[in-house]
Amino acid sequence: GYNRVSVVEYLLQHGADVHAKDKGGLVPLHNACSYGHYEVAELLVKHGAVVNVADLWKFTPLHEAAAKGKYEICKLLLQHGADPTKKNRDGNTPLDLVKDGDTDIQDLLRGDAALLDAAKKGCLARVKKLCSPENVNCRDTQGRHSTPLHLAAGYNNLEVAEYLL
C-alpha cells in the first residue's frame, strides 16, 4: 500500500513473495489495484504477479481496479492478460462493477465491442480514443461480422469513416 515503490522494489529484491495471500486471499496486486498504485502494480506484474488471481470472494485485481475507477490500472492488467469475463462469487464481471457514468472504463473492458459501437453511432471522439492498429479491423462477432469501417459507412458516419481510412 501507500504507493511506496522503492519499498516494494526493495522487498521484492530481497525475496518477498508476490503471491503471498492474506486471510481474505488478497495478494499485493489486489491492494495496489484497489488503491490505484499504478507503479506498484506494474512492478508486481513485472515480478511475476498473476493478473487473474482471485481472492476468497473470487475478485481479481481487475475487479478491484474496475470497481474503484482505476482506468490506467485496468489498462495495465488487460495488457498483461487479465480476463474481463471472470466472474466473482456473486456472478459479477469487472464490467458489472464499474460505476455508472465511468464510460472510459466501460469502453476499455468492452474492448472491440466499444469501438464497433462508437463507429456505428458516429462518435468520432470515442473512435479516436479506442482505435489502434491492432483493432482497427476488428469484426463484430454477431450478424455480418462488420468492421468499424463497415459500420461507419453503413450508418452514414462520414467523419468516422474518413478517420478510419
N, C-alpha and C. Protein backbone atom coordinates (compact mmCIF):
# COMPACT_ATOMS: atom_id res chain seq x y z
N GLY A 1 0.81 -1.20 0.00
CA GLY A 1 0.00 0.00 0.00
C GLY A 1 0.84 1.26 0.00
N TYR A 2 0.23 2.38 0.07
CA TYR A 2 0.82 3.71 0.16
C TYR A 2 1.69 4.09 -1.04
N ASN A 3 1.67 3.31 -2.08
CA ASN A 3 2.41 3.57 -3.31
C ASN A 3 3.90 3.80 -3.06
N ARG A 4 4.47 3.07 -2.16
CA ARG A 4 5.89 3.19 -1.85
C ARG A 4 6.68 2.24 -2.75
N VAL A 5 6.88 2.71 -3.96
CA VAL A 5 7.52 1.89 -4.99
C VAL A 5 8.90 1.42 -4.54
N SER A 6 9.69 2.31 -3.97
CA SER A 6 11.06 1.92 -3.57
C SER A 6 11.04 0.86 -2.49
N VAL A 7 10.07 0.92 -1.58
CA VAL A 7 9.96 -0.09 -0.53
C VAL A 7 9.57 -1.43 -1.13
N VAL A 8 8.60 -1.41 -2.02
CA VAL A 8 8.15 -2.65 -2.67
C VAL A 8 9.29 -3.25 -3.50
N GLU A 9 10.00 -2.39 -4.20
CA GLU A 9 11.14 -2.85 -5.00
C GLU A 9 12.20 -3.51 -4.10
N TYR A 10 12.50 -2.88 -2.99
CA TYR A 10 13.47 -3.43 -2.04
C TYR A 10 13.02 -4.80 -1.52
N LEU A 11 11.74 -4.89 -1.13
CA LEU A 11 11.21 -6.15 -0.63
C LEU A 11 11.29 -7.25 -1.68
N LEU A 12 10.95 -6.91 -2.91
CA LEU A 12 10.99 -7.91 -3.99
C LEU A 12 12.43 -8.36 -4.25
N GLN A 13 13.36 -7.42 -4.22
CA GLN A 13 14.77 -7.76 -4.45
C GLN A 13 15.33 -8.66 -3.34
N HIS A 14 14.67 -8.63 -2.18
CA HIS A 14 15.14 -9.43 -1.06
C HIS A 14 14.23 -10.63 -0.78
N GLY A 15 13.51 -11.06 -1.84
CA GLY A 15 12.79 -12.32 -1.75
C GLY A 15 11.33 -12.27 -1.31
N ALA A 16 10.73 -11.09 -1.22
CA ALA A 16 9.31 -11.03 -0.86
C ALA A 16 8.48 -11.79 -1.91
N ASP A 17 7.47 -12.46 -1.46
CA ASP A 17 6.63 -13.31 -2.32
C ASP A 17 5.48 -12.49 -2.90
N VAL A 18 5.48 -12.29 -4.23
CA VAL A 18 4.40 -11.55 -4.88
C VAL A 18 3.07 -12.31 -4.81
N HIS A 19 3.15 -13.59 -4.48
CA HIS A 19 1.94 -14.44 -4.42
C HIS A 19 1.40 -14.61 -3.00
N ALA A 20 2.04 -13.97 -2.02
CA ALA A 20 1.61 -14.12 -0.62
C ALA A 20 0.18 -13.61 -0.45
N LYS A 21 -0.66 -14.44 0.22
CA LYS A 21 -2.06 -14.08 0.43
C LYS A 21 -2.33 -13.76 1.89
N ASP A 22 -3.23 -12.80 2.11
CA ASP A 22 -3.68 -12.55 3.48
C ASP A 22 -4.86 -13.45 3.79
N LYS A 23 -5.50 -13.26 4.95
CA LYS A 23 -6.60 -14.15 5.35
C LYS A 23 -7.78 -14.12 4.39
N GLY A 24 -7.94 -13.03 3.65
CA GLY A 24 -9.04 -12.92 2.69
C GLY A 24 -8.66 -13.40 1.30
N GLY A 25 -7.43 -13.88 1.17
CA GLY A 25 -6.97 -14.37 -0.12
C GLY A 25 -6.43 -13.26 -1.03
N LEU A 26 -6.29 -12.06 -0.48
CA LEU A 26 -5.75 -10.95 -1.27
C LEU A 26 -4.24 -11.07 -1.40
N VAL A 27 -3.75 -10.80 -2.59
CA VAL A 27 -2.32 -10.72 -2.83
C VAL A 27 -1.95 -9.24 -2.96
N PRO A 28 -0.67 -8.91 -2.91
CA PRO A 28 -0.29 -7.49 -3.02
C PRO A 28 -0.87 -6.79 -4.27
N LEU A 29 -1.00 -7.52 -5.37
CA LEU A 29 -1.55 -6.90 -6.58
C LEU A 29 -2.99 -6.45 -6.38
N HIS A 30 -3.79 -7.21 -5.65
CA HIS A 30 -5.16 -6.77 -5.34
C HIS A 30 -5.13 -5.38 -4.68
N ASN A 31 -4.28 -5.25 -3.67
CA ASN A 31 -4.21 -3.99 -2.92
C ASN A 31 -3.72 -2.84 -3.78
N ALA A 32 -2.67 -3.06 -4.55
CA ALA A 32 -2.15 -2.00 -5.41
C ALA A 32 -3.22 -1.53 -6.40
N CYS A 33 -3.96 -2.47 -6.95
CA CYS A 33 -5.00 -2.13 -7.93
C CYS A 33 -6.18 -1.42 -7.28
N SER A 34 -6.57 -1.87 -6.13
CA SER A 34 -7.70 -1.28 -5.41
C SER A 34 -7.42 0.17 -5.02
N TYR A 35 -6.18 0.45 -4.61
CA TYR A 35 -5.83 1.79 -4.16
C TYR A 35 -5.28 2.69 -5.27
N GLY A 36 -5.16 2.15 -6.48
CA GLY A 36 -4.72 2.96 -7.60
C GLY A 36 -3.23 3.21 -7.66
N HIS A 37 -2.43 2.32 -7.10
CA HIS A 37 -0.98 2.48 -7.11
C HIS A 37 -0.41 1.84 -8.37
N TYR A 38 -0.44 2.61 -9.45
CA TYR A 38 -0.05 2.10 -10.77
C TYR A 38 1.39 1.56 -10.77
N GLU A 39 2.32 2.36 -10.27
CA GLU A 39 3.73 1.95 -10.33
C GLU A 39 3.98 0.66 -9.55
N VAL A 40 3.32 0.53 -8.42
CA VAL A 40 3.47 -0.69 -7.62
C VAL A 40 2.86 -1.87 -8.37
N ALA A 41 1.67 -1.67 -8.95
CA ALA A 41 1.02 -2.75 -9.71
C ALA A 41 1.91 -3.19 -10.87
N GLU A 42 2.46 -2.22 -11.57
CA GLU A 42 3.35 -2.53 -12.70
C GLU A 42 4.58 -3.32 -12.24
N LEU A 43 5.15 -2.91 -11.13
CA LEU A 43 6.32 -3.59 -10.58
C LEU A 43 5.98 -5.03 -10.18
N LEU A 44 4.84 -5.21 -9.54
CA LEU A 44 4.42 -6.55 -9.14
C LEU A 44 4.20 -7.46 -10.35
N VAL A 45 3.58 -6.92 -11.39
CA VAL A 45 3.35 -7.70 -12.62
C VAL A 45 4.69 -8.08 -13.24
N LYS A 46 5.62 -7.12 -13.28
CA LYS A 46 6.95 -7.40 -13.84
C LYS A 46 7.68 -8.48 -13.05
N HIS A 47 7.34 -8.62 -11.77
CA HIS A 47 7.96 -9.64 -10.92
C HIS A 47 7.13 -10.93 -10.85
N GLY A 48 6.21 -11.08 -11.80
CA GLY A 48 5.51 -12.35 -11.92
C GLY A 48 4.17 -12.47 -11.22
N ALA A 49 3.63 -11.37 -10.72
CA ALA A 49 2.30 -11.44 -10.10
C ALA A 49 1.28 -11.92 -11.12
N VAL A 50 0.41 -12.81 -10.71
CA VAL A 50 -0.61 -13.39 -11.60
C VAL A 50 -1.78 -12.42 -11.68
N VAL A 51 -2.07 -11.93 -12.89
CA VAL A 51 -3.11 -10.90 -13.02
C VAL A 51 -4.53 -11.45 -12.83
N ASN A 52 -4.71 -12.74 -13.00
CA ASN A 52 -6.05 -13.31 -12.85
C ASN A 52 -6.26 -14.03 -11.52
N VAL A 53 -5.41 -13.77 -10.55
CA VAL A 53 -5.54 -14.38 -9.23
C VAL A 53 -6.84 -13.91 -8.58
N ALA A 54 -7.51 -14.80 -7.87
CA ALA A 54 -8.77 -14.45 -7.22
C ALA A 54 -8.66 -14.60 -5.71
N ASP A 55 -9.35 -13.71 -4.99
CA ASP A 55 -9.39 -13.82 -3.52
C ASP A 55 -10.51 -14.78 -3.11
N LEU A 56 -10.84 -14.83 -1.84
CA LEU A 56 -11.87 -15.76 -1.36
C LEU A 56 -13.25 -15.47 -1.95
N TRP A 57 -13.47 -14.23 -2.37
CA TRP A 57 -14.76 -13.84 -2.96
C TRP A 57 -14.70 -13.87 -4.49
N LYS A 58 -13.58 -14.42 -5.00
CA LYS A 58 -13.32 -14.56 -6.44
C LYS A 58 -13.18 -13.21 -7.14
N PHE A 59 -12.76 -12.18 -6.39
CA PHE A 59 -12.42 -10.90 -7.00
C PHE A 59 -11.00 -11.00 -7.53
N THR A 60 -10.80 -10.55 -8.76
CA THR A 60 -9.47 -10.46 -9.34
C THR A 60 -8.97 -9.02 -9.17
N PRO A 61 -7.70 -8.77 -9.41
CA PRO A 61 -7.23 -7.38 -9.39
C PRO A 61 -8.03 -6.49 -10.35
N LEU A 62 -8.46 -7.05 -11.49
CA LEU A 62 -9.25 -6.27 -12.44
C LEU A 62 -10.61 -5.89 -11.86
N HIS A 63 -11.23 -6.78 -11.11
CA HIS A 63 -12.48 -6.44 -10.40
C HIS A 63 -12.24 -5.24 -9.49
N GLU A 64 -11.13 -5.29 -8.73
CA GLU A 64 -10.80 -4.21 -7.79
C GLU A 64 -10.61 -2.88 -8.51
N ALA A 65 -9.79 -2.90 -9.55
CA ALA A 65 -9.49 -1.66 -10.28
C ALA A 65 -10.73 -1.10 -10.97
N ALA A 66 -11.52 -1.97 -11.58
CA ALA A 66 -12.73 -1.52 -12.28
C ALA A 66 -13.74 -0.91 -11.31
N ALA A 67 -13.93 -1.57 -10.18
CA ALA A 67 -14.90 -1.09 -9.19
C ALA A 67 -14.49 0.26 -8.60
N LYS A 68 -13.17 0.50 -8.53
CA LYS A 68 -12.68 1.74 -7.93
C LYS A 68 -12.38 2.82 -8.98
N GLY A 69 -12.66 2.54 -10.25
CA GLY A 69 -12.47 3.56 -11.29
C GLY A 69 -11.03 3.82 -11.66
N LYS A 70 -10.18 2.83 -11.57
CA LYS A 70 -8.75 2.99 -11.85
C LYS A 70 -8.43 2.60 -13.30
N TYR A 71 -8.67 3.54 -14.22
CA TYR A 71 -8.56 3.29 -15.66
C TYR A 71 -7.17 2.76 -16.06
N GLU A 72 -6.12 3.48 -15.69
CA GLU A 72 -4.77 3.10 -16.12
C GLU A 72 -4.39 1.71 -15.60
N ILE A 73 -4.84 1.39 -14.41
CA ILE A 73 -4.54 0.06 -13.87
C ILE A 73 -5.33 -1.01 -14.62
N CYS A 74 -6.58 -0.73 -14.95
CA CYS A 74 -7.36 -1.67 -15.76
C CYS A 74 -6.64 -1.93 -17.08
N LYS A 75 -6.17 -0.86 -17.69
CA LYS A 75 -5.46 -0.97 -18.97
C LYS A 75 -4.19 -1.82 -18.82
N LEU A 76 -3.43 -1.57 -17.77
CA LEU A 76 -2.21 -2.35 -17.49
C LEU A 76 -2.54 -3.83 -17.33
N LEU A 77 -3.57 -4.13 -16.55
CA LEU A 77 -3.93 -5.53 -16.30
C LEU A 77 -4.38 -6.21 -17.59
N LEU A 78 -5.18 -5.52 -18.39
CA LEU A 78 -5.65 -6.09 -19.66
C LEU A 78 -4.48 -6.34 -20.60
N GLN A 79 -3.52 -5.43 -20.63
CA GLN A 79 -2.33 -5.60 -21.48
C GLN A 79 -1.50 -6.82 -21.06
N HIS A 80 -1.66 -7.23 -19.80
CA HIS A 80 -0.92 -8.39 -19.30
C HIS A 80 -1.80 -9.62 -19.16
N GLY A 81 -2.93 -9.63 -19.87
CA GLY A 81 -3.73 -10.84 -19.97
C GLY A 81 -4.86 -11.01 -18.97
N ALA A 82 -5.22 -9.94 -18.26
CA ALA A 82 -6.35 -10.06 -17.33
C ALA A 82 -7.62 -10.41 -18.10
N ASP A 83 -8.42 -11.27 -17.53
CA ASP A 83 -9.64 -11.75 -18.16
C ASP A 83 -10.84 -10.91 -17.71
N PRO A 84 -11.38 -10.07 -18.61
CA PRO A 84 -12.51 -9.21 -18.23
C PRO A 84 -13.84 -9.96 -18.09
N THR A 85 -13.83 -11.26 -18.42
CA THR A 85 -15.07 -12.04 -18.33
C THR A 85 -15.15 -12.87 -17.05
N LYS A 86 -14.09 -12.86 -16.24
CA LYS A 86 -14.11 -13.63 -14.98
C LYS A 86 -15.20 -13.10 -14.06
N LYS A 87 -15.92 -14.02 -13.42
CA LYS A 87 -16.99 -13.63 -12.51
C LYS A 87 -16.58 -13.86 -11.07
N ASN A 88 -17.01 -12.94 -10.21
CA ASN A 88 -16.74 -13.13 -8.79
C ASN A 88 -17.80 -14.05 -8.18
N ARG A 89 -17.75 -14.21 -6.88
CA ARG A 89 -18.67 -15.14 -6.21
C ARG A 89 -20.14 -14.77 -6.44
N ASP A 90 -20.41 -13.48 -6.62
CA ASP A 90 -21.78 -13.03 -6.85
C ASP A 90 -22.17 -13.07 -8.33
N GLY A 91 -21.28 -13.55 -9.18
CA GLY A 91 -21.57 -13.66 -10.60
C GLY A 91 -21.31 -12.38 -11.39
N ASN A 92 -20.59 -11.44 -10.81
CA ASN A 92 -20.30 -10.17 -11.49
C ASN A 92 -18.94 -10.18 -12.16
N THR A 93 -18.90 -9.66 -13.38
CA THR A 93 -17.63 -9.45 -14.07
C THR A 93 -17.10 -8.07 -13.66
N PRO A 94 -15.85 -7.77 -13.98
CA PRO A 94 -15.36 -6.42 -13.70
C PRO A 94 -16.25 -5.33 -14.31
N LEU A 95 -16.73 -5.55 -15.52
CA LEU A 95 -17.61 -4.57 -16.16
C LEU A 95 -18.87 -4.31 -15.33
N ASP A 96 -19.41 -5.35 -14.72
CA ASP A 96 -20.61 -5.19 -13.89
C ASP A 96 -20.37 -4.28 -12.69
N LEU A 97 -19.12 -4.16 -12.26
CA LEU A 97 -18.79 -3.40 -11.06
C LEU A 97 -18.41 -1.95 -11.33
N VAL A 98 -18.29 -1.58 -12.61
CA VAL A 98 -17.92 -0.22 -12.96
C VAL A 98 -19.08 0.72 -12.61
N LYS A 99 -18.74 1.84 -12.00
CA LYS A 99 -19.76 2.82 -11.62
C LYS A 99 -20.43 3.41 -12.86
N ASP A 100 -21.72 3.66 -12.75
CA ASP A 100 -22.45 4.30 -13.85
C ASP A 100 -21.76 5.60 -14.23
N GLY A 101 -21.67 5.84 -15.51
CA GLY A 101 -21.06 7.08 -15.98
C GLY A 101 -19.57 6.98 -16.21
N ASP A 102 -18.92 5.91 -15.77
CA ASP A 102 -17.49 5.75 -15.98
C ASP A 102 -17.29 5.06 -17.34
N THR A 103 -17.62 5.82 -18.39
CA THR A 103 -17.64 5.24 -19.74
C THR A 103 -16.26 4.84 -20.24
N ASP A 104 -15.22 5.52 -19.78
CA ASP A 104 -13.87 5.15 -20.23
C ASP A 104 -13.52 3.72 -19.82
N ILE A 105 -13.81 3.38 -18.59
CA ILE A 105 -13.51 2.02 -18.12
C ILE A 105 -14.48 1.03 -18.75
N GLN A 106 -15.73 1.41 -18.90
CA GLN A 106 -16.69 0.53 -19.56
C GLN A 106 -16.22 0.21 -20.98
N ASP A 107 -15.81 1.23 -21.71
CA ASP A 107 -15.31 1.02 -23.08
C ASP A 107 -14.07 0.14 -23.08
N LEU A 108 -13.16 0.40 -22.17
CA LEU A 108 -11.92 -0.38 -22.08
C LEU A 108 -12.23 -1.86 -21.86
N LEU A 109 -13.14 -2.15 -20.95
CA LEU A 109 -13.48 -3.54 -20.64
C LEU A 109 -14.30 -4.19 -21.75
N ARG A 110 -15.05 -3.40 -22.48
CA ARG A 110 -15.84 -3.96 -23.59
C ARG A 110 -14.98 -4.23 -24.81
N GLY A 111 -13.81 -3.64 -24.87
CA GLY A 111 -12.86 -3.91 -25.94
C GLY A 111 -13.38 -3.57 -27.32
N ASP A 112 -13.27 -4.52 -28.24
CA ASP A 112 -13.67 -4.30 -29.62
C ASP A 112 -15.14 -3.89 -29.73
N ALA A 113 -15.98 -4.41 -28.88
CA ALA A 113 -17.41 -4.07 -28.94
C ALA A 113 -17.62 -2.57 -28.76
N ALA A 114 -16.82 -1.94 -27.93
CA ALA A 114 -16.94 -0.49 -27.72
C ALA A 114 -16.56 0.28 -28.98
N LEU A 115 -15.50 -0.15 -29.66
CA LEU A 115 -15.08 0.51 -30.89
C LEU A 115 -16.15 0.34 -31.97
N LEU A 116 -16.67 -0.85 -32.10
CA LEU A 116 -17.72 -1.10 -33.10
C LEU A 116 -18.95 -0.24 -32.82
N ASP A 117 -19.33 -0.14 -31.57
CA ASP A 117 -20.48 0.68 -31.18
C ASP A 117 -20.23 2.16 -31.49
N ALA A 118 -19.05 2.64 -31.18
CA ALA A 118 -18.71 4.05 -31.44
C ALA A 118 -18.74 4.35 -32.94
N ALA A 119 -18.22 3.44 -33.76
CA ALA A 119 -18.22 3.63 -35.20
C ALA A 119 -19.64 3.66 -35.74
N LYS A 120 -20.45 2.75 -35.24
CA LYS A 120 -21.86 2.66 -35.67
C LYS A 120 -22.62 3.94 -35.32
N LYS A 121 -22.36 4.48 -34.13
CA LYS A 121 -23.08 5.67 -33.66
C LYS A 121 -22.46 6.98 -34.14
N GLY A 122 -21.31 6.88 -34.80
CA GLY A 122 -20.68 8.09 -35.32
C GLY A 122 -19.99 8.93 -34.25
N CYS A 123 -19.53 8.32 -33.20
CA CYS A 123 -18.86 9.04 -32.10
C CYS A 123 -17.36 9.12 -32.39
N LEU A 124 -16.97 10.14 -33.12
CA LEU A 124 -15.58 10.26 -33.56
C LEU A 124 -14.61 10.32 -32.39
N ALA A 125 -14.92 11.06 -31.34
CA ALA A 125 -14.00 11.16 -30.21
C ALA A 125 -13.76 9.80 -29.57
N ARG A 126 -14.83 9.00 -29.43
CA ARG A 126 -14.66 7.66 -28.86
C ARG A 126 -13.87 6.77 -29.80
N VAL A 127 -14.14 6.85 -31.09
CA VAL A 127 -13.40 6.05 -32.07
C VAL A 127 -11.91 6.38 -31.97
N LYS A 128 -11.58 7.68 -31.91
CA LYS A 128 -10.17 8.08 -31.82
C LYS A 128 -9.52 7.53 -30.56
N LYS A 129 -10.25 7.52 -29.47
CA LYS A 129 -9.71 7.04 -28.21
C LYS A 129 -9.53 5.52 -28.21
N LEU A 130 -10.47 4.81 -28.84
CA LEU A 130 -10.48 3.34 -28.77
C LEU A 130 -9.70 2.66 -29.89
N CYS A 131 -9.53 3.34 -31.00
CA CYS A 131 -8.94 2.72 -32.19
C CYS A 131 -7.42 2.61 -32.06
N SER A 132 -6.91 1.47 -32.48
CA SER A 132 -5.46 1.24 -32.51
C SER A 132 -5.14 0.41 -33.74
N PRO A 133 -3.88 0.34 -34.13
CA PRO A 133 -3.53 -0.51 -35.28
C PRO A 133 -3.95 -1.97 -35.08
N GLU A 134 -3.99 -2.41 -33.81
CA GLU A 134 -4.35 -3.81 -33.53
C GLU A 134 -5.84 -4.09 -33.70
N ASN A 135 -6.68 -3.08 -33.50
CA ASN A 135 -8.12 -3.38 -33.54
C ASN A 135 -8.89 -2.64 -34.63
N VAL A 136 -8.21 -1.87 -35.47
CA VAL A 136 -8.91 -1.09 -36.48
C VAL A 136 -9.75 -1.98 -37.41
N ASN A 137 -9.32 -3.21 -37.60
CA ASN A 137 -10.06 -4.13 -38.47
C ASN A 137 -10.76 -5.25 -37.69
N CYS A 138 -11.04 -4.98 -36.43
CA CYS A 138 -11.77 -5.99 -35.64
C CYS A 138 -13.14 -6.21 -36.27
N ARG A 139 -13.74 -7.32 -35.93
CA ARG A 139 -15.04 -7.66 -36.53
C ARG A 139 -16.08 -7.93 -35.46
N ASP A 140 -17.29 -7.50 -35.78
CA ASP A 140 -18.43 -7.80 -34.93
C ASP A 140 -18.60 -9.31 -34.93
N THR A 141 -18.78 -9.90 -33.77
CA THR A 141 -18.89 -11.35 -33.69
C THR A 141 -20.30 -11.85 -33.99
N GLN A 142 -21.22 -10.93 -34.17
CA GLN A 142 -22.59 -11.31 -34.50
C GLN A 142 -22.98 -10.70 -35.84
N GLY A 143 -24.02 -11.17 -36.40
CA GLY A 143 -24.53 -10.57 -37.63
C GLY A 143 -23.60 -10.75 -38.81
N ARG A 144 -23.21 -9.63 -39.41
CA ARG A 144 -22.46 -9.66 -40.66
C ARG A 144 -20.95 -9.64 -40.48
N HIS A 145 -20.46 -9.71 -39.27
CA HIS A 145 -19.02 -9.68 -38.98
C HIS A 145 -18.38 -8.40 -39.53
N SER A 146 -19.07 -7.29 -39.32
CA SER A 146 -18.63 -5.99 -39.82
C SER A 146 -17.41 -5.46 -39.08
N THR A 147 -16.61 -4.67 -39.80
CA THR A 147 -15.50 -3.94 -39.20
C THR A 147 -16.03 -2.56 -38.78
N PRO A 148 -15.24 -1.79 -38.04
CA PRO A 148 -15.67 -0.43 -37.72
C PRO A 148 -15.96 0.40 -38.98
N LEU A 149 -15.15 0.23 -40.01
CA LEU A 149 -15.37 0.98 -41.25
C LEU A 149 -16.68 0.58 -41.91
N HIS A 150 -17.00 -0.71 -41.94
CA HIS A 150 -18.30 -1.15 -42.47
C HIS A 150 -19.44 -0.42 -41.76
N LEU A 151 -19.36 -0.39 -40.42
CA LEU A 151 -20.44 0.20 -39.62
C LEU A 151 -20.52 1.71 -39.82
N ALA A 152 -19.37 2.39 -39.84
CA ALA A 152 -19.38 3.84 -40.05
C ALA A 152 -19.97 4.19 -41.41
N ALA A 153 -19.56 3.46 -42.44
CA ALA A 153 -20.08 3.71 -43.78
C ALA A 153 -21.56 3.35 -43.88
N GLY A 154 -21.92 2.22 -43.31
CA GLY A 154 -23.30 1.75 -43.38
C GLY A 154 -24.30 2.64 -42.66
N TYR A 155 -23.82 3.34 -41.64
CA TYR A 155 -24.70 4.25 -40.89
C TYR A 155 -24.44 5.71 -41.25
N ASN A 156 -23.77 5.92 -42.39
CA ASN A 156 -23.56 7.25 -42.96
C ASN A 156 -22.79 8.18 -42.02
N ASN A 157 -21.79 7.64 -41.35
CA ASN A 157 -20.97 8.43 -40.44
C ASN A 157 -19.65 8.75 -41.14
N LEU A 158 -19.73 9.76 -42.01
CA LEU A 158 -18.62 10.11 -42.89
C LEU A 158 -17.34 10.48 -42.14
N GLU A 159 -17.47 11.30 -41.10
CA GLU A 159 -16.28 11.71 -40.34
C GLU A 159 -15.54 10.51 -39.77
N VAL A 160 -16.28 9.58 -39.21
CA VAL A 160 -15.67 8.37 -38.63
C VAL A 160 -15.05 7.52 -39.73
N ALA A 161 -15.77 7.36 -40.83
CA ALA A 161 -15.25 6.56 -41.95
C ALA A 161 -13.94 7.15 -42.47
N GLU A 162 -13.90 8.47 -42.64
CA GLU A 162 -12.67 9.12 -43.12
C GLU A 162 -11.53 8.90 -42.14
N TYR A 163 -11.81 9.01 -40.85
CA TYR A 163 -10.77 8.80 -39.84
C TYR A 163 -10.23 7.37 -39.91
N LEU A 164 -11.11 6.41 -40.06
CA LEU A 164 -10.70 5.01 -40.10
C LEU A 164 -9.88 4.67 -41.35
N LEU A 165 -10.09 5.42 -42.42
CA LEU A 165 -9.30 5.21 -43.63
C LEU A 165 -7.91 5.80 -43.46
